[in-house]
PDB file of all heavy atoms in Angstrom:
ATOM      1  N   LEU A   1       0.827  -1.202   0.000  1.00  0.00           N
ATOM      2  CA  LEU A   1       0.000   0.000   0.000  1.00  0.00           C
ATOM      3  C   LEU A   1       0.862   1.253   0.000  1.00  0.00           C
ATOM      4  O   LEU A   1       0.610   2.204  -0.759  1.00  0.00           O
ATOM      5  CB  LEU A   1      -0.924  -0.019   1.221  1.00  0.00           C
ATOM      6  CG  LEU A   1      -1.985   1.081   1.318  1.00  0.00           C
ATOM      7  CD1 LEU A   1      -2.920   1.018   0.123  1.00  0.00           C
ATOM      8  CD2 LEU A   1      -2.764   0.955   2.610  1.00  0.00           C
ATOM      9  N   TRP A   2       1.898   1.263   0.843  1.00  0.00           N
ATOM     10  CA  TRP A   2       2.792   2.424   0.880  1.00  0.00           C
ATOM     11  C   TRP A   2       3.555   2.575  -0.438  1.00  0.00           C
ATOM     12  O   TRP A   2       3.686   3.683  -0.968  1.00  0.00           O
ATOM     13  CB  TRP A   2       3.766   2.297   2.043  1.00  0.00           C
ATOM     14  CG  TRP A   2       4.760   3.422   2.090  1.00  0.00           C
ATOM     15  CD1 TRP A   2       6.026   3.416   1.585  1.00  0.00           C
ATOM     16  CD2 TRP A   2       4.550   4.722   2.628  1.00  0.00           C
ATOM     17  NE1 TRP A   2       6.631   4.629   1.789  1.00  0.00           N
ATOM     18  CE2 TRP A   2       5.748   5.461   2.428  1.00  0.00           C
ATOM     19  CE3 TRP A   2       3.474   5.332   3.277  1.00  0.00           C
ATOM     20  CZ2 TRP A   2       5.882   6.772   2.845  1.00  0.00           C
ATOM     21  CZ3 TRP A   2       3.618   6.652   3.696  1.00  0.00           C
ATOM     22  CH2 TRP A   2       4.803   7.350   3.481  1.00  0.00           C
ATOM     23  N   ILE A   3       4.053   1.467  -0.982  1.00  0.00           N
ATOM     24  CA  ILE A   3       4.815   1.536  -2.236  1.00  0.00           C
ATOM     25  C   ILE A   3       3.926   1.998  -3.388  1.00  0.00           C
ATOM     26  O   ILE A   3       4.340   2.797  -4.230  1.00  0.00           O
ATOM     27  CB  ILE A   3       5.445   0.169  -2.539  1.00  0.00           C
ATOM     28  CG1 ILE A   3       6.538  -0.146  -1.505  1.00  0.00           C
ATOM     29  CG2 ILE A   3       6.045   0.136  -3.945  1.00  0.00           C
ATOM     30  CD1 ILE A   3       7.058  -1.566  -1.567  1.00  0.00           C
ATOM     31  N   ALA A   4       2.678   1.498  -3.424  1.00  0.00           N
ATOM     32  CA  ALA A   4       1.760   1.912  -4.486  1.00  0.00           C
ATOM     33  C   ALA A   4       1.488   3.405  -4.442  1.00  0.00           C
ATOM     34  O   ALA A   4       1.309   4.050  -5.484  1.00  0.00           O
ATOM     35  CB  ALA A   4       0.456   1.128  -4.371  1.00  0.00           C
ATOM     36  N   LEU A   5       1.453   3.978  -3.239  1.00  0.00           N
ATOM     37  CA  LEU A   5       1.187   5.408  -3.094  1.00  0.00           C
ATOM     38  C   LEU A   5       2.420   6.265  -3.351  1.00  0.00           C
ATOM     39  O   LEU A   5       2.298   7.410  -3.816  1.00  0.00           O
ATOM     40  CB  LEU A   5       0.664   5.694  -1.683  1.00  0.00           C
ATOM     41  CG  LEU A   5      -0.745   5.178  -1.362  1.00  0.00           C
ATOM     42  CD1 LEU A   5      -1.030   5.307   0.132  1.00  0.00           C
ATOM     43  CD2 LEU A   5      -1.792   5.936  -2.168  1.00  0.00           C
ATOM     44  N   SER A   6       3.608   5.741  -3.087  1.00  0.00           N
ATOM     45  CA  SER A   6       4.817   6.562  -3.135  1.00  0.00           C
ATOM     46  C   SER A   6       5.693   6.321  -4.360  1.00  0.00           C
ATOM     47  O   SER A   6       6.623   7.093  -4.606  1.00  0.00           O
ATOM     48  CB  SER A   6       5.665   6.310  -1.881  1.00  0.00           C
ATOM     49  OG  SER A   6       6.098   4.955  -1.825  1.00  0.00           O
ATOM     50  N   THR A   7       5.423   5.298  -5.137  1.00  0.00           N
ATOM     51  CA  THR A   7       6.317   4.940  -6.234  1.00  0.00           C
ATOM     52  C   THR A   7       6.356   6.001  -7.330  1.00  0.00           C
ATOM     53  O   THR A   7       5.382   6.735  -7.555  1.00  0.00           O
ATOM     54  CB  THR A   7       5.899   3.591  -6.840  1.00  0.00           C
ATOM     55  OG1 THR A   7       6.809   3.244  -7.882  1.00  0.00           O
ATOM     56  CG2 THR A   7       4.496   3.673  -7.427  1.00  0.00           C
ATOM     57  N   SER A   8       7.475   6.044  -8.029  1.00  0.00           N
ATOM     58  CA  SER A   8       7.607   6.910  -9.209  1.00  0.00           C
ATOM     59  C   SER A   8       7.268   6.172 -10.491  1.00  0.00           C
ATOM     60  O   SER A   8       7.347   6.743 -11.578  1.00  0.00           O
ATOM     61  CB  SER A   8       9.051   7.439  -9.296  1.00  0.00           C
ATOM     62  OG  SER A   8       9.980   6.372  -9.446  1.00  0.00           O
ATOM     63  N   LEU A   9       6.899   4.875 -10.369  1.00  0.00           N
ATOM     64  CA  LEU A   9       6.592   4.052 -11.539  1.00  0.00           C
ATOM     65  C   LEU A   9       5.219   3.380 -11.370  1.00  0.00           C
ATOM     66  O   LEU A   9       5.112   2.156 -11.383  1.00  0.00           O
ATOM     67  CB  LEU A   9       7.666   2.979 -11.728  1.00  0.00           C
ATOM     68  CG  LEU A   9       9.070   3.470 -12.064  1.00  0.00           C
ATOM     69  CD1 LEU A   9      10.085   2.354 -11.878  1.00  0.00           C
ATOM     70  CD2 LEU A   9       9.113   4.001 -13.496  1.00  0.00           C
ATOM     71  N   PRO A  10       4.156   4.154 -11.185  1.00  0.00           N
ATOM     72  CA  PRO A  10       2.842   3.520 -10.986  1.00  0.00           C
ATOM     73  C   PRO A  10       2.330   2.881 -12.268  1.00  0.00           C
ATOM     74  O   PRO A  10       2.640   3.371 -13.360  1.00  0.00           O
ATOM     75  CB  PRO A  10       1.962   4.702 -10.575  1.00  0.00           C
ATOM     76  CG  PRO A  10       2.594   5.893 -11.217  1.00  0.00           C
ATOM     77  CD  PRO A  10       4.075   5.624 -11.192  1.00  0.00           C
ATOM     78  N   PRO A  11       1.563   1.796 -12.157  1.00  0.00           N
ATOM     79  CA  PRO A  11       1.233   1.097 -10.913  1.00  0.00           C
ATOM     80  C   PRO A  11       2.258   0.012 -10.600  1.00  0.00           C
ATOM     81  O   PRO A  11       2.854  -0.556 -11.506  1.00  0.00           O
ATOM     82  CB  PRO A  11      -0.126   0.478 -11.233  1.00  0.00           C
ATOM     83  CG  PRO A  11      -0.029   0.164 -12.703  1.00  0.00           C
ATOM     84  CD  PRO A  11       0.818   1.260 -13.312  1.00  0.00           C
ATOM     85  N   LEU A  12       2.431  -0.283  -9.316  1.00  0.00           N
ATOM     86  CA  LEU A  12       3.318  -1.360  -8.893  1.00  0.00           C
ATOM     87  C   LEU A  12       2.549  -2.332  -8.005  1.00  0.00           C
ATOM     88  O   LEU A  12       1.750  -1.922  -7.165  1.00  0.00           O
ATOM     89  CB  LEU A  12       4.524  -0.825  -8.117  1.00  0.00           C
ATOM     90  CG  LEU A  12       5.618  -0.092  -8.902  1.00  0.00           C
ATOM     91  CD1 LEU A  12       6.788   0.230  -7.980  1.00  0.00           C
ATOM     92  CD2 LEU A  12       6.089  -0.885 -10.107  1.00  0.00           C
ATOM     93  N   ALA A  13       2.805  -3.611  -8.222  1.00  0.00           N
ATOM     94  CA  ALA A  13       2.302  -4.662  -7.340  1.00  0.00           C
ATOM     95  C   ALA A  13       3.497  -5.217  -6.574  1.00  0.00           C
ATOM     96  O   ALA A  13       4.581  -5.385  -7.143  1.00  0.00           O
ATOM     97  CB  ALA A  13       1.621  -5.768  -8.131  1.00  0.00           C
ATOM     98  N   THR A  14       3.318  -5.479  -5.301  1.00  0.00           N
ATOM     99  CA  THR A  14       4.432  -5.934  -4.475  1.00  0.00           C
ATOM    100  C   THR A  14       4.082  -7.234  -3.773  1.00  0.00           C
ATOM    101  O   THR A  14       2.919  -7.524  -3.499  1.00  0.00           O
ATOM    102  CB  THR A  14       4.801  -4.879  -3.420  1.00  0.00           C
ATOM    103  OG1 THR A  14       3.638  -4.566  -2.650  1.00  0.00           O
ATOM    104  CG2 THR A  14       5.315  -3.619  -4.061  1.00  0.00           C
ATOM    105  N   GLY A  15       5.116  -7.999  -3.492  1.00  0.00           N
ATOM    106  CA  GLY A  15       4.956  -9.250  -2.773  1.00  0.00           C
ATOM    107  C   GLY A  15       6.324  -9.817  -2.464  1.00  0.00           C
ATOM    108  O   GLY A  15       7.354  -9.273  -2.879  1.00  0.00           O
ATOM    109  N   ILE A  16       6.343 -10.913  -1.764  1.00  0.00           N
ATOM    110  CA  ILE A  16       7.602 -11.578  -1.471  1.00  0.00           C
ATOM    111  C   ILE A  16       8.181 -12.134  -2.771  1.00  0.00           C
ATOM    112  O   ILE A  16       7.452 -12.681  -3.603  1.00  0.00           O
ATOM    113  CB  ILE A  16       7.387 -12.710  -0.435  1.00  0.00           C
ATOM    114  CG1 ILE A  16       8.714 -13.267   0.064  1.00  0.00           C
ATOM    115  CG2 ILE A  16       6.481 -13.782  -0.978  1.00  0.00           C
ATOM    116  CD1 ILE A  16       9.392 -12.395   1.068  1.00  0.00           C
ATOM    117  N   ASP A  17       9.486 -11.940  -3.006  1.00  0.00           N
ATOM    118  CA  ASP A  17      10.077 -12.414  -4.261  1.00  0.00           C
ATOM    119  C   ASP A  17      10.946 -13.643  -4.009  1.00  0.00           C
ATOM    120  O   ASP A  17      11.408 -13.893  -2.900  1.00  0.00           O
ATOM    121  CB  ASP A  17      10.889 -11.298  -4.930  1.00  0.00           C
ATOM    122  CG  ASP A  17      12.041 -10.829  -4.079  1.00  0.00           C
ATOM    123  OD1 ASP A  17      11.996 -10.999  -2.846  1.00  0.00           O
ATOM    124  OD2 ASP A  17      12.991 -10.284  -4.648  1.00  0.00           O
ATOM    125  N   SER A  18      11.144 -14.412  -5.068  1.00  0.00           N
ATOM    126  CA  SER A  18      11.802 -15.711  -4.938  1.00  0.00           C
ATOM    127  C   SER A  18      13.247 -15.628  -4.448  1.00  0.00           C
ATOM    128  O   SER A  18      13.668 -16.487  -3.660  1.00  0.00           O
ATOM    129  CB  SER A  18      11.733 -16.466  -6.274  1.00  0.00           C
ATOM    130  OG  SER A  18      12.243 -15.678  -7.328  1.00  0.00           O
ATOM    131  N   PRO A  19      14.084 -14.636  -4.847  1.00  0.00           N
ATOM    132  CA  PRO A  19      15.435 -14.598  -4.289  1.00  0.00           C
ATOM    133  C   PRO A  19      15.437 -14.421  -2.772  1.00  0.00           C
ATOM    134  O   PRO A  19      16.212 -15.063  -2.060  1.00  0.00           O
ATOM    135  CB  PRO A  19      16.071 -13.393  -4.997  1.00  0.00           C
ATOM    136  CG  PRO A  19      15.298 -13.238  -6.255  1.00  0.00           C
ATOM    137  CD  PRO A  19      13.901 -13.613  -5.901  1.00  0.00           C
ATOM    138  N   THR A  20      14.560 -13.544  -2.272  1.00  0.00           N
ATOM    139  CA  THR A  20      14.483 -13.336  -0.822  1.00  0.00           C
ATOM    140  C   THR A  20      13.976 -14.582  -0.117  1.00  0.00           C
ATOM    141  O   THR A  20      14.467 -14.966   0.955  1.00  0.00           O
ATOM    142  CB  THR A  20      13.571 -12.145  -0.507  1.00  0.00           C
ATOM    143  OG1 THR A  20      14.036 -10.988  -1.207  1.00  0.00           O
ATOM    144  CG2 THR A  20      13.544 -11.853   0.978  1.00  0.00           C
ATOM    145  N   VAL A  21      12.993 -15.239  -0.723  1.00  0.00           N
ATOM    146  CA  VAL A  21      12.445 -16.461  -0.130  1.00  0.00           C
ATOM    147  C   VAL A  21      13.523 -17.532  -0.011  1.00  0.00           C
ATOM    148  O   VAL A  21      13.571 -18.270   0.981  1.00  0.00           O
ATOM    149  CB  VAL A  21      11.255 -16.972  -0.962  1.00  0.00           C
ATOM    150  CG1 VAL A  21      10.868 -18.388  -0.538  1.00  0.00           C
ATOM    151  CG2 VAL A  21      10.064 -16.056  -0.791  1.00  0.00           C
ATOM    152  N   ALA A  22      14.392 -17.614  -1.015  1.00  0.00           N
ATOM    153  CA  ALA A  22      15.447 -18.633  -0.982  1.00  0.00           C
ATOM    154  C   ALA A  22      16.343 -18.455   0.240  1.00  0.00           C
ATOM    155  O   ALA A  22      16.688 -19.422   0.924  1.00  0.00           O
ATOM    156  CB  ALA A  22      16.274 -18.565  -2.259  1.00  0.00           C
ATOM    157  N   VAL A  23      16.714 -17.207   0.554  1.00  0.00           N
ATOM    158  CA  VAL A  23      17.557 -16.959   1.716  1.00  0.00           C
ATOM    159  C   VAL A  23      16.772 -17.163   3.003  1.00  0.00           C
ATOM    160  O   VAL A  23      17.282 -17.720   3.988  1.00  0.00           O
ATOM    161  CB  VAL A  23      18.144 -15.535   1.662  1.00  0.00           C
ATOM    162  CG1 VAL A  23      19.098 -15.304   2.819  1.00  0.00           C
ATOM    163  CG2 VAL A  23      18.881 -15.314   0.354  1.00  0.00           C
ATOM    164  N   LEU A  24      15.505 -16.729   3.025  1.00  0.00           N
ATOM    165  CA  LEU A  24      14.682 -16.926   4.219  1.00  0.00           C
ATOM    166  C   LEU A  24      14.473 -18.412   4.500  1.00  0.00           C
ATOM    167  O   LEU A  24      14.399 -18.832   5.664  1.00  0.00           O
ATOM    168  CB  LEU A  24      13.337 -16.221   4.056  1.00  0.00           C
ATOM    169  CG  LEU A  24      13.358 -14.691   4.064  1.00  0.00           C
ATOM    170  CD1 LEU A  24      11.960 -14.140   3.864  1.00  0.00           C
ATOM    171  CD2 LEU A  24      13.960 -14.158   5.362  1.00  0.00           C
ATOM    172  N   ALA A  25      14.365 -19.217   3.443  1.00  0.00           N
ATOM    173  CA  ALA A  25      14.219 -20.663   3.641  1.00  0.00           C
ATOM    174  C   ALA A  25      15.463 -21.251   4.302  1.00  0.00           C
ATOM    175  O   ALA A  25      15.375 -22.136   5.156  1.00  0.00           O
ATOM    176  CB  ALA A  25      13.952 -21.348   2.304  1.00  0.00           C
ATOM    177  N   LEU A  26      16.657 -20.750   3.913  1.00  0.00           N
ATOM    178  CA  LEU A  26      17.886 -21.195   4.571  1.00  0.00           C
ATOM    179  C   LEU A  26      17.905 -20.769   6.040  1.00  0.00           C
ATOM    180  O   LEU A  26      18.322 -21.537   6.920  1.00  0.00           O
ATOM    181  CB  LEU A  26      19.102 -20.611   3.841  1.00  0.00           C
ATOM    182  CG  LEU A  26      19.348 -21.104   2.413  1.00  0.00           C
ATOM    183  CD1 LEU A  26      20.522 -20.357   1.791  1.00  0.00           C
ATOM    184  CD2 LEU A  26      19.606 -22.602   2.397  1.00  0.00           C
ATOM    185  N   LEU A  27      17.457 -19.545   6.307  1.00  0.00           N
ATOM    186  CA  LEU A  27      17.362 -19.079   7.683  1.00  0.00           C
ATOM    187  C   LEU A  27      16.426 -19.957   8.501  1.00  0.00           C
ATOM    188  O   LEU A  27      16.709 -20.317   9.643  1.00  0.00           O
ATOM    189  CB  LEU A  27      16.862 -17.629   7.705  1.00  0.00           C
ATOM    190  CG  LEU A  27      17.908 -16.517   7.642  1.00  0.00           C
ATOM    191  CD1 LEU A  27      17.221 -15.169   7.469  1.00  0.00           C
ATOM    192  CD2 LEU A  27      18.762 -16.515   8.884  1.00  0.00           C
ATOM    193  N   SER A  28      15.290 -20.293   7.910  1.00  0.00           N
ATOM    194  CA  SER A  28      14.314 -21.121   8.606  1.00  0.00           C
ATOM    195  C   SER A  28      14.900 -22.486   8.941  1.00  0.00           C
ATOM    196  O   SER A  28      14.745 -22.987  10.065  1.00  0.00           O
ATOM    197  CB  SER A  28      13.060 -21.280   7.740  1.00  0.00           C
ATOM    198  OG  SER A  28      12.145 -22.172   8.333  1.00  0.00           O
ATOM    199  N   ALA A  29      15.580 -23.099   7.974  1.00  0.00           N
ATOM    200  CA  ALA A  29      16.158 -24.426   8.214  1.00  0.00           C
ATOM    201  C   ALA A  29      17.226 -24.382   9.299  1.00  0.00           C
ATOM    202  O   ALA A  29      17.269 -25.237  10.183  1.00  0.00           O
ATOM    203  CB  ALA A  29      16.734 -24.976   6.912  1.00  0.00           C
ATOM    204  N   SER A  30      18.090 -23.353   9.266  1.00  0.00           N
ATOM    205  CA  SER A  30      19.174 -23.256  10.246  1.00  0.00           C
ATOM    206  C   SER A  30      18.633 -22.980  11.648  1.00  0.00           C
ATOM    207  O   SER A  30      18.977 -23.676  12.616  1.00  0.00           O
ATOM    208  CB  SER A  30      20.150 -22.149   9.840  1.00  0.00           C
ATOM    209  OG  SER A  30      20.713 -22.407   8.563  1.00  0.00           O
ATOM    210  N   ALA A  31      17.787 -21.968  11.757  1.00  0.00           N
ATOM    211  CA  ALA A  31      17.267 -21.597  13.074  1.00  0.00           C
ATOM    212  C   ALA A  31      16.340 -22.674  13.630  1.00  0.00           C
ATOM    213  O   ALA A  31      16.392 -23.004  14.817  1.00  0.00           O
ATOM    214  CB  ALA A  31      16.531 -20.265  12.985  1.00  0.00           C
TER     215      ALA A  31
END
């Protein structure tokens, strides 16, 4: 919601992306 209101490239849709998920999955497994 904040990104959609503040972006310089409207419209933008946002969500969790696969590169970040890959690292978070490693964090989850380790912790």
